[in-house]
Amino acid sequence: MNPLVARFESREDAAAQLAEALRAYRGQHPLILAVPKGGVAVGRGLADALEGDLDVMLVSKLTGPDNAVAAIGAVTENGWTYAVERPAGGQPDPIHFAQERLAKLDLLRQQCAIYTSHRARLDPRGRVVILVDDGICTGATMMAAIHTVRRQQPARLVCAVPIGAPKGLAVVRACADEVVCLRAAGTDPDIHHAYQRFPQVDDAEVRALLWRDIESRHAEAIGARALADGLPVGIACDGTRLHGVLDAPGNPAGLVLMVHASGGGDHAVRNQYVARKLNARGLATLLVDLIGPREPMRAEKRQDIAMLAGRLRAVMQAVPGYVRTRLRLPALPVGCFGTGTAAAVALKLAGEAGTDLRTLVLAAGRVDLADADTLGKVAVPTLLVVGAGDPEGIRINDLAFASLRCPRQLRLVVGEGRVFEEPAAIEELAALAGGWFSQLLADGRMAVM
């Protein structure tokens, strides 16, 4: 690359500069369609600056057998395929091309499930659409994207990239209504050198960036109506950003924090199922993983009860704001459903003076990670649930039950596993939790020891 060409500090910096170049579209509510994965980081900043919507354009480049960088074509999620023009005799092997296309279609199907399972896709019809990536080399992926979006009849189709190779840009200019490129690259492989920081973007980050769009777009409109698919929320604490999902029926009687500490990115299927059952009983739920999916040393952090308690405390502090702004209610009584290590974290918070927690349900919990002093301070009614096929779990919950001084119950759920893997066991767990929270949050009655 020409050393005189200015570099971008990051994709976020590039997005800010692109937004300035595209400022004429602010106020037109443009739809930003970003090519994963790096393009979504650029698209996020662009959508925020232009007050538009963000969605993904699922397209993948096809590469040759001897070069994993240079594109020989591209394919979109609906199967439309673009082939890069080559000199006579330079066309790729048709067998490899077909195999590569099928492999990338499979990848796109996986990305679709990961990125869009929580949200409806946005319709480009009649809108200003801005296609975004973090750079253009051959133009193959952008050409495939343009073809797909053009068939959906946008009012105007703009291609915007921070940097592009001249040949690729020339191809794209022939098909887009407008092309905005801030920097010209000398050669195709120089794209990444335009950035001082050019980290890999993983699936969890793409999903989080898209969730932010839903959060801002629906914050005012959602009100107190039922949240059909859940509303993503973000909680900043301890140098990281925790992601949660808020779900509520109309006029909920209380709110249950569904917490775990896995760092897996998505919320545990078991917790999602229990949350749905609680919603059906008239309770709001907020699912939160206390460990971010990209955090280093996640295994060590799962055992750091003090650190995790600080994060749960931050979540608790954010709850009143969500109740007021998202559910349009003055206040709700709050309970906590904790699993695994998060059970010990919930006990620690419940034992603090002035806690706002009304009650706990701890399922397959590592209650042995809470010391006797912590257990003795817990004053809120607590339900311990453990699998009947988990002798070690029964032992540690028996010990915790003996140390607790609050109104409490210990219930066994029939099943072979220790984490309620069988459908019948999960169903029974949901029924126990639903009955307990309905009694303690909705009716306010104390549990019987």
Protein backbone atom coordinates (compact mmCIF):
# COMPACT_ATOMS: atom_id res chain seq x y z
CA MET A 1 0.00 0.00 0.00
CA ASN A 2 1.07 3.59 -0.63
CA PRO A 3 2.51 4.76 2.72
CA LEU A 4 0.89 8.16 2.19
CA VAL A 5 -2.58 6.62 2.39
CA ALA A 6 -4.03 7.46 5.81
CA ARG A 7 -4.96 4.57 8.06
CA PHE A 8 -8.12 4.05 10.05
CA GLU A 9 -7.62 3.45 13.74
CA SER A 10 -10.29 0.74 13.74
CA ARG A 11 -13.50 -0.34 12.06
CA GLU A 12 -15.34 2.00 14.42
CA ASP A 13 -13.20 4.92 13.27
CA ALA A 14 -13.86 3.96 9.66
CA ALA A 15 -17.60 3.89 10.38
CA ALA A 16 -17.46 7.42 11.80
CA GLN A 17 -15.69 8.70 8.69
CA LEU A 18 -18.11 6.89 6.39
CA ALA A 19 -21.03 8.41 8.29
CA GLU A 20 -19.66 11.88 7.60
CA ALA A 21 -19.41 11.09 3.89
CA LEU A 22 -22.98 9.76 3.92
CA ARG A 23 -24.50 12.46 6.13
CA ALA A 24 -26.99 13.39 3.40
CA TYR A 25 -28.88 10.17 4.21
CA ARG A 26 -29.39 11.06 7.84
CA GLY A 27 -33.08 11.70 8.36
CA GLN A 28 -34.05 9.27 5.58
CA HIS A 29 -34.02 6.26 7.95
CA PRO A 30 -31.70 4.19 5.75
CA LEU A 31 -31.38 0.43 6.07
CA ILE A 32 -27.76 -0.56 6.61
CA LEU A 33 -27.07 -4.08 5.32
CA ALA A 34 -23.68 -5.24 6.55
CA VAL A 35 -21.60 -8.17 5.32
CA PRO A 36 -20.47 -10.36 8.24
CA LYS A 37 -18.34 -10.43 10.06
CA GLY A 38 -16.15 -7.32 9.94
CA GLY A 39 -18.70 -5.37 7.96
CA VAL A 40 -21.17 -5.55 10.84
CA ALA A 41 -18.77 -3.64 13.10
CA VAL A 42 -18.64 -0.88 10.47
CA GLY A 43 -22.38 -1.08 9.87
CA ARG A 44 -23.18 -0.72 13.55
CA GLY A 45 -21.45 2.66 13.80
CA LEU A 46 -22.90 3.81 10.50
CA ALA A 47 -26.46 2.90 11.48
CA ASP A 48 -26.11 4.72 14.80
CA ALA A 49 -24.73 7.88 13.18
CA LEU A 50 -27.31 7.98 10.37
CA GLU A 51 -30.22 7.01 12.66
CA GLY A 52 -30.94 4.00 10.49
CA ASP A 53 -31.61 0.29 10.97
CA LEU A 54 -28.97 -2.44 10.85
CA ASP A 55 -29.32 -5.93 9.42
CA VAL A 56 -26.99 -8.51 7.92
CA MET A 57 -26.38 -9.22 4.25
CA LEU A 58 -25.50 -12.91 4.28
CA VAL A 59 -22.98 -13.46 1.51
CA SER A 60 -19.69 -15.34 1.40
CA LYS A 61 -16.79 -15.21 -1.01
CA LEU A 62 -15.66 -18.36 -2.79
CA THR A 63 -11.93 -19.08 -2.85
CA GLY A 64 -9.69 -21.32 -4.89
CA PRO A 65 -7.98 -24.50 -3.70
CA ASP A 66 -4.55 -22.87 -3.57
CA ASN A 67 -5.45 -19.42 -2.25
CA ALA A 68 -7.77 -18.92 0.72
CA VAL A 69 -7.72 -15.12 0.32
CA ALA A 70 -8.37 -14.28 -3.33
CA ALA A 71 -12.01 -14.60 -4.35
CA ILE A 72 -13.08 -16.61 -7.38
CA GLY A 73 -16.71 -15.71 -6.76
CA ALA A 74 -19.37 -15.26 -4.10
CA VAL A 75 -22.69 -16.78 -3.07
CA THR A 76 -25.61 -15.33 -1.12
CA GLU A 77 -27.84 -17.15 1.35
CA ASN A 78 -30.52 -17.62 -1.32
CA GLY A 79 -28.02 -19.38 -3.59
CA TRP A 80 -27.37 -16.63 -6.15
CA THR A 81 -23.78 -17.00 -7.32
CA TYR A 82 -21.34 -14.53 -8.82
CA ALA A 83 -18.15 -15.65 -10.58
CA VAL A 84 -15.15 -13.36 -10.93
CA GLU A 85 -14.17 -12.83 -14.56
CA ARG A 86 -10.77 -14.33 -15.36
CA PRO A 87 -8.53 -14.21 -18.43
CA ALA A 88 -9.01 -16.96 -20.98
CA GLY A 89 -7.84 -20.24 -19.52
CA GLY A 90 -7.84 -18.86 -15.99
CA GLN A 91 -11.28 -20.03 -14.93
CA PRO A 92 -11.45 -22.09 -11.71
CA ASP A 93 -11.98 -25.83 -11.75
CA PRO A 94 -15.77 -26.32 -12.02
CA ILE A 95 -15.77 -29.23 -9.56
CA HIS A 96 -13.95 -27.20 -6.93
CA PHE A 97 -16.20 -24.20 -7.61
CA ALA A 98 -19.33 -26.31 -7.04
CA GLN A 99 -17.93 -27.88 -3.87
CA GLU A 100 -16.83 -24.51 -2.51
CA ARG A 101 -20.28 -23.07 -3.25
CA LEU A 102 -22.03 -25.85 -1.31
CA ALA A 103 -19.65 -25.46 1.63
CA LYS A 104 -20.25 -21.71 1.81
CA LEU A 105 -24.02 -22.16 1.52
CA ASP A 106 -23.84 -24.41 4.55
CA LEU A 107 -21.83 -21.73 6.38
CA LEU A 108 -24.41 -19.10 5.48
CA ARG A 109 -27.22 -21.29 6.82
CA GLN A 110 -25.33 -21.55 10.11
CA GLN A 111 -24.81 -17.78 10.21
CA CYS A 112 -28.49 -17.21 9.52
CA ALA A 113 -29.41 -19.37 12.52
CA ILE A 114 -26.91 -17.60 14.77
CA TYR A 115 -27.52 -14.01 13.71
CA THR A 116 -31.24 -13.89 12.93
CA SER A 117 -32.97 -16.45 15.18
CA HIS A 118 -33.89 -13.66 17.63
CA ARG A 119 -35.14 -11.09 15.13
CA ALA A 120 -37.20 -10.62 11.98
CA ARG A 121 -35.25 -9.65 8.85
CA LEU A 122 -35.79 -6.10 7.66
CA ASP A 123 -37.41 -5.46 4.28
CA PRO A 124 -35.39 -3.30 1.82
CA ARG A 125 -38.42 -2.58 -0.37
CA GLY A 126 -38.86 1.15 -0.97
CA ARG A 127 -36.01 2.14 1.36
CA VAL A 128 -32.60 3.70 0.95
CA VAL A 129 -30.30 0.71 1.39
CA ILE A 130 -26.60 1.11 2.19
CA LEU A 131 -24.53 -2.04 1.67
CA VAL A 132 -21.48 -2.01 3.95
CA ASP A 133 -18.30 -4.05 4.32
CA ASP A 134 -14.92 -3.26 5.86
CA GLY A 135 -13.31 -3.29 2.42
CA ILE A 136 -13.61 -4.35 -1.23
CA CYS A 137 -11.03 -6.48 -3.03
CA THR A 138 -12.37 -8.16 -6.17
CA GLY A 139 -15.89 -6.86 -5.57
CA ALA A 140 -17.31 -10.39 -5.68
CA THR A 141 -19.16 -10.37 -2.36
CA MET A 142 -20.53 -6.89 -2.96
CA MET A 143 -21.71 -7.80 -6.46
CA ALA A 144 -23.58 -10.82 -5.13
CA ALA A 145 -25.10 -8.64 -2.41
CA ILE A 146 -26.14 -5.94 -4.88
CA HIS A 147 -27.87 -8.49 -7.12
CA THR A 148 -29.82 -9.94 -4.19
CA VAL A 149 -30.92 -6.60 -2.75
CA ARG A 150 -31.79 -5.14 -6.16
CA ARG A 151 -34.40 -7.88 -6.60
CA GLN A 152 -36.08 -6.63 -3.40
CA GLN A 153 -36.76 -3.23 -4.99
CA PRO A 154 -35.02 -0.68 -2.76
CA ALA A 155 -35.62 3.01 -3.51
CA ARG A 156 -31.86 3.57 -3.76
CA LEU A 157 -28.92 1.20 -3.44
CA VAL A 158 -25.65 2.60 -2.09
CA CYS A 159 -22.39 0.71 -1.60
CA ALA A 160 -20.19 2.12 1.18
CA VAL A 161 -16.74 0.89 2.22
CA PRO A 162 -13.81 2.52 4.01
CA ILE A 163 -11.27 1.15 1.51
CA GLY A 164 -11.37 -0.62 -1.83
CA ALA A 165 -9.16 -1.96 -4.60
CA PRO A 166 -9.59 -0.07 -7.91
CA LYS A 167 -10.62 -3.13 -9.96
CA GLY A 168 -13.22 -4.20 -7.43
CA LEU A 169 -14.62 -0.69 -7.13
CA ALA A 170 -14.94 -0.41 -10.91
CA VAL A 171 -17.03 -3.58 -11.02
CA VAL A 172 -19.31 -2.41 -8.22
CA ARG A 173 -19.79 1.11 -9.65
CA ALA A 174 -21.37 -0.39 -12.74
CA CYS A 175 -24.23 -1.86 -10.67
CA ALA A 176 -24.83 0.32 -7.60
CA ASP A 177 -26.68 3.65 -7.65
CA GLU A 178 -23.82 5.19 -5.69
CA VAL A 179 -20.45 4.03 -4.38
CA VAL A 180 -18.72 5.74 -1.46
CA CYS A 181 -15.13 4.69 -0.79
CA LEU A 182 -12.87 6.72 1.49
CA ARG A 183 -9.48 5.24 0.56
CA ALA A 184 -8.07 3.47 -2.49
CA ALA A 185 -5.95 0.37 -1.91
CA GLY A 186 -2.96 -0.30 -4.10
CA THR A 187 -3.54 -4.05 -4.39
CA ASP A 188 -6.18 -6.48 -3.21
CA PRO A 189 -4.32 -7.96 -0.20
CA ASP A 190 -3.62 -4.47 1.19
CA ILE A 191 -7.13 -3.97 2.57
CA HIS A 192 -6.38 -4.97 6.16
CA HIS A 193 -3.29 -2.75 6.25
CA ALA A 194 -5.56 0.29 6.10
CA TYR A 195 -6.48 -0.37 9.74
CA GLN A 196 -4.18 0.12 12.70
CA ARG A 197 -6.33 -2.38 14.59
CA PHE A 198 -8.07 -5.09 12.58
CA PRO A 199 -9.13 -7.85 15.03
CA GLN A 200 -11.17 -10.87 14.04
CA VAL A 201 -14.89 -10.44 14.70
CA ASP A 202 -16.60 -13.55 16.05
CA ASP A 203 -20.22 -14.69 15.87
CA ALA A 204 -21.01 -13.57 19.42
CA GLU A 205 -19.90 -10.02 18.63
CA VAL A 206 -21.95 -9.91 15.41
CA ARG A 207 -25.02 -11.06 17.30
CA ALA A 208 -24.43 -8.51 20.06
CA LEU A 209 -24.08 -5.68 17.54
CA LEU A 210 -27.37 -6.68 15.93
CA TRP A 211 -29.07 -6.94 19.34
CA ARG A 212 -28.13 -3.35 20.06
CA ASP A 213 -30.15 -2.34 17.03
CA ILE A 214 -33.26 -4.07 18.37
CA GLU A 215 -32.76 -2.54 21.80
CA SER A 216 -32.61 1.03 20.51
CA ARG A 217 -35.28 0.57 17.85
CA HIS A 218 -37.91 -0.81 20.20
CA ALA A 219 -37.11 0.90 23.50
CA GLU A 220 -39.87 3.50 23.18
CA ALA A 221 -42.40 1.43 21.27
CA ILE A 222 -42.47 -1.69 23.38
CA GLY A 223 -44.34 -0.28 26.41
CA ALA A 224 -46.01 -2.77 28.74
CA ARG A 225 -47.27 -5.14 26.07
CA ALA A 226 -46.11 -8.72 25.92
CA LEU A 227 -42.62 -9.13 24.50
CA ALA A 228 -43.11 -11.89 21.96
CA ASP A 229 -39.47 -12.67 21.26
CA GLY A 230 -37.72 -10.95 24.16
CA LEU A 231 -35.99 -7.61 24.25
CA PRO A 232 -32.18 -7.63 24.37
CA VAL A 233 -30.68 -5.34 27.00
CA GLY A 234 -27.10 -4.46 27.86
CA ILE A 235 -25.63 -3.95 31.32
CA ALA A 236 -22.20 -2.34 31.64
CA CYS A 237 -20.22 -3.49 34.67
CA ASP A 238 -16.73 -4.52 35.74
CA GLY A 239 -15.16 -3.44 32.46
CA THR A 240 -17.42 -5.59 30.32
CA ARG A 241 -20.93 -5.52 28.87
CA LEU A 242 -23.34 -8.24 29.91
CA HIS A 243 -26.14 -9.14 27.53
CA GLY A 244 -29.59 -10.05 28.76
CA VAL A 245 -33.04 -10.78 27.37
CA LEU A 246 -36.09 -9.18 28.96
CA ASP A 247 -39.44 -10.91 28.49
CA ALA A 248 -42.78 -9.91 29.99
CA PRO A 249 -46.50 -10.58 29.72
CA GLY A 250 -48.90 -7.69 30.00
CA ASN A 251 -49.01 -6.20 33.50
CA PRO A 252 -46.54 -8.62 35.14
CA ALA A 253 -46.86 -9.28 38.88
CA GLY A 254 -43.11 -9.53 39.46
CA LEU A 255 -39.75 -9.97 37.76
CA VAL A 256 -37.42 -12.98 37.98
CA LEU A 257 -33.71 -12.66 37.25
CA MET A 258 -32.61 -15.84 35.45
CA VAL A 259 -28.85 -15.91 36.03
CA HIS A 260 -26.07 -18.33 35.14
CA ALA A 261 -22.32 -17.97 34.71
CA SER A 262 -21.19 -19.95 31.70
CA GLY A 263 -19.79 -17.40 29.24
CA GLY A 264 -21.29 -19.41 26.42
CA GLY A 265 -22.83 -16.44 24.64
CA ASP A 266 -26.38 -17.73 24.33
CA HIS A 267 -28.63 -18.24 27.33
CA ALA A 268 -29.05 -21.80 28.57
CA VAL A 269 -31.90 -23.64 26.88
CA ARG A 270 -33.15 -24.80 30.28
CA ASN A 271 -33.36 -21.23 31.55
CA GLN A 272 -35.14 -20.13 28.38
CA TYR A 273 -37.75 -22.85 28.86
CA VAL A 274 -38.29 -22.00 32.53
CA ALA A 275 -38.54 -18.31 31.62
CA ARG A 276 -41.32 -19.01 29.13
CA LYS A 277 -43.23 -20.92 31.79
CA LEU A 278 -42.81 -18.03 34.23
CA ASN A 279 -44.03 -15.58 31.58
CA ALA A 280 -47.14 -17.73 31.17
CA ARG A 281 -47.77 -17.32 34.92
CA GLY A 282 -47.74 -13.54 34.62
CA LEU A 283 -44.12 -12.90 35.61
CA ALA A 284 -41.49 -10.90 33.75
CA THR A 285 -38.05 -12.48 33.28
CA LEU A 286 -34.57 -11.14 32.62
CA LEU A 287 -32.08 -13.78 31.43
CA VAL A 288 -28.46 -12.82 32.05
CA ASP A 289 -25.13 -14.63 31.70
CA LEU A 290 -22.75 -13.09 34.25
CA ILE A 291 -19.74 -13.91 32.06
CA GLY A 292 -19.32 -12.39 28.61
CA PRO A 293 -18.78 -14.81 25.68
CA ARG A 294 -15.45 -13.19 24.70
CA GLU A 295 -13.94 -12.75 28.13
CA PRO A 296 -10.52 -14.30 28.78
CA MET A 297 -10.05 -16.77 31.64
CA ARG A 298 -13.74 -17.68 31.69
CA ALA A 299 -13.14 -20.90 33.65
CA GLU A 300 -11.44 -18.98 36.47
CA LYS A 301 -14.16 -16.34 36.53
CA ARG A 302 -16.86 -18.97 37.01
CA GLN A 303 -15.39 -19.62 40.46
CA ASP A 304 -14.90 -15.97 41.43
CA ILE A 305 -17.99 -15.53 43.57
CA ALA A 306 -17.09 -12.02 44.77
CA MET A 307 -16.57 -10.75 41.22
CA LEU A 308 -19.77 -12.39 39.96
CA ALA A 309 -21.72 -11.00 42.92
CA GLY A 310 -20.57 -7.53 41.92
CA ARG A 311 -21.93 -8.13 38.43
CA LEU A 312 -25.24 -9.44 39.73
CA ARG A 313 -25.42 -6.35 41.95
CA ALA A 314 -25.00 -4.19 38.83
CA VAL A 315 -27.79 -6.11 37.12
CA MET A 316 -30.02 -5.57 40.15
CA GLN A 317 -29.29 -1.85 40.06
CA ALA A 318 -30.32 -1.74 36.38
CA VAL A 319 -33.64 -3.54 36.95
CA PRO A 320 -35.69 -0.55 38.23
CA GLY A 321 -34.76 1.40 35.13
CA TYR A 322 -35.87 -1.43 32.85
CA VAL A 323 -39.14 -1.76 34.76
CA ARG A 324 -39.86 1.95 34.36
CA THR A 325 -38.71 2.49 30.77
CA ARG A 326 -39.39 -0.88 29.13
CA LEU A 327 -42.40 -2.17 31.06
CA ARG A 328 -43.86 1.27 31.90
CA LEU A 329 -44.44 0.29 35.52
CA PRO A 330 -43.33 2.13 38.69
CA ALA A 331 -41.80 -0.95 40.34
CA LEU A 332 -41.92 -4.75 40.53
CA PRO A 333 -40.90 -7.20 43.25
CA VAL A 334 -37.79 -9.12 42.15
CA GLY A 335 -36.79 -12.75 42.65
CA CYS A 336 -33.79 -14.69 41.37
CA PHE A 337 -33.49 -18.07 39.64
CA GLY A 338 -29.87 -19.21 39.82
CA THR A 339 -28.16 -22.29 38.41
CA GLY A 340 -24.67 -23.71 38.85
CA THR A 341 -22.17 -21.20 40.21
CA ALA A 342 -24.74 -18.42 39.90
CA ALA A 343 -26.67 -20.04 42.75
CA ALA A 344 -23.84 -19.21 45.17
CA VAL A 345 -23.70 -15.70 43.71
CA ALA A 346 -27.43 -15.22 44.32
CA LEU A 347 -27.04 -16.41 47.92
CA LYS A 348 -24.26 -13.89 48.51
CA LEU A 349 -26.37 -11.03 47.18
CA ALA A 350 -29.47 -12.18 49.09
CA GLY A 351 -27.46 -12.12 52.32
CA GLU A 352 -26.48 -8.48 51.97
CA ALA A 353 -28.19 -5.88 54.12
CA GLY A 354 -30.88 -3.97 52.27
CA THR A 355 -31.12 -6.45 49.38
CA ASP A 356 -34.01 -5.91 46.99
CA LEU A 357 -34.35 -9.63 46.28
CA ARG A 358 -37.62 -11.05 47.59
CA THR A 359 -36.94 -14.75 47.05
CA LEU A 360 -34.60 -17.32 45.46
CA VAL A 361 -34.97 -20.54 43.48
CA LEU A 362 -31.64 -22.36 43.13
CA ALA A 363 -31.56 -25.29 40.69
CA ALA A 364 -28.62 -27.71 40.48
CA GLY A 365 -26.76 -24.98 42.29
CA ARG A 366 -23.18 -24.95 43.50
CA VAL A 367 -24.40 -23.89 46.92
CA ASP A 368 -21.20 -25.35 48.40
CA LEU A 369 -19.40 -22.27 47.05
CA ALA A 370 -21.32 -20.12 49.55
CA ASP A 371 -19.73 -20.21 53.00
CA ALA A 372 -21.64 -20.73 56.25
CA ASP A 373 -21.52 -17.02 57.10
CA THR A 374 -23.18 -16.14 53.78
CA LEU A 375 -25.85 -18.81 54.21
CA GLY A 376 -26.64 -17.64 57.71
CA LYS A 377 -27.29 -14.08 56.52
CA VAL A 378 -29.85 -15.02 53.85
CA ALA A 379 -33.28 -13.88 55.03
CA VAL A 380 -35.42 -14.26 51.91
CA PRO A 381 -37.47 -17.44 51.25
CA THR A 382 -35.33 -19.91 49.30
CA LEU A 383 -36.21 -23.01 47.28
CA LEU A 384 -33.41 -25.51 46.62
CA VAL A 385 -34.05 -27.89 43.73
CA VAL A 386 -31.76 -30.83 42.97
CA GLY A 387 -31.96 -33.90 40.75
CA ALA A 388 -32.85 -37.14 42.51
CA GLY A 389 -30.13 -38.84 40.46
CA ASP A 390 -27.40 -36.51 41.72
CA PRO A 391 -26.09 -37.81 45.08
CA GLU A 392 -23.38 -35.16 45.36
CA GLY A 393 -25.89 -32.43 44.59
CA ILE A 394 -28.22 -33.80 47.25
CA ARG A 395 -25.38 -33.83 49.78
CA ILE A 396 -24.30 -30.22 49.26
CA ASN A 397 -27.89 -28.97 49.17
CA ASP A 398 -28.66 -30.83 52.40
CA LEU A 399 -25.71 -29.07 54.05
CA ALA A 400 -26.82 -25.69 52.70
CA PHE A 401 -30.39 -26.31 53.85
CA ALA A 402 -29.11 -26.95 57.38
CA SER A 403 -27.07 -23.73 57.39
CA LEU A 404 -29.81 -21.48 56.05
CA ARG A 405 -31.96 -19.65 58.60
CA CYS A 406 -34.54 -18.30 56.20
CA PRO A 407 -37.88 -19.88 55.21
CA ARG A 408 -36.74 -22.65 52.86
CA GLN A 409 -37.62 -25.84 51.06
CA LEU A 410 -35.55 -28.58 49.43
CA ARG A 411 -37.20 -30.44 46.57
CA LEU A 412 -35.94 -33.40 44.55
CA VAL A 413 -36.80 -33.74 40.87
CA VAL A 414 -36.95 -37.25 39.47
CA GLY A 415 -34.41 -37.87 36.72
CA GLU A 416 -31.12 -39.54 35.92
CA GLY A 417 -28.99 -36.45 35.39
CA ARG A 418 -27.90 -33.68 37.70
CA VAL A 419 -28.84 -30.74 35.47
CA PHE A 420 -32.44 -31.60 34.55
CA GLU A 421 -31.69 -32.82 31.04
CA GLU A 422 -34.82 -34.96 30.58
CA PRO A 423 -37.95 -33.14 29.32
CA ALA A 424 -40.03 -34.37 32.27
CA ALA A 425 -37.41 -33.10 34.73
CA ILE A 426 -37.27 -29.67 33.10
CA GLU A 427 -41.06 -29.54 33.12
CA GLU A 428 -41.16 -30.34 36.84
CA LEU A 429 -38.45 -27.76 37.56
CA ALA A 430 -40.43 -25.11 35.68
CA ALA A 431 -43.58 -26.01 37.60
CA LEU A 432 -41.80 -25.80 40.97
CA ALA A 433 -40.19 -22.46 40.11
CA GLY A 434 -43.44 -21.08 38.73
CA GLY A 435 -45.43 -22.00 41.80
CA TRP A 436 -42.79 -20.61 44.15
CA PHE A 437 -42.34 -17.28 42.39
CA SER A 438 -46.07 -16.81 41.87
CA GLN A 439 -46.60 -17.30 45.59
CA LEU A 440 -43.75 -15.12 46.80
CA LEU A 441 -43.81 -12.34 44.19
CA ALA A 442 -47.44 -12.13 43.14
CA ASP A 443 -49.11 -12.99 46.45
CA GLY A 444 -46.32 -12.11 48.87
CA ARG A 445 -46.95 -15.11 51.12
CA MET A 446 -44.03 -16.65 52.99
CA ALA A 447 -42.97 -20.19 52.21
CA VAL A 448 -43.29 -22.85 54.87
CA MET A 449 -40.08 -24.45 56.10
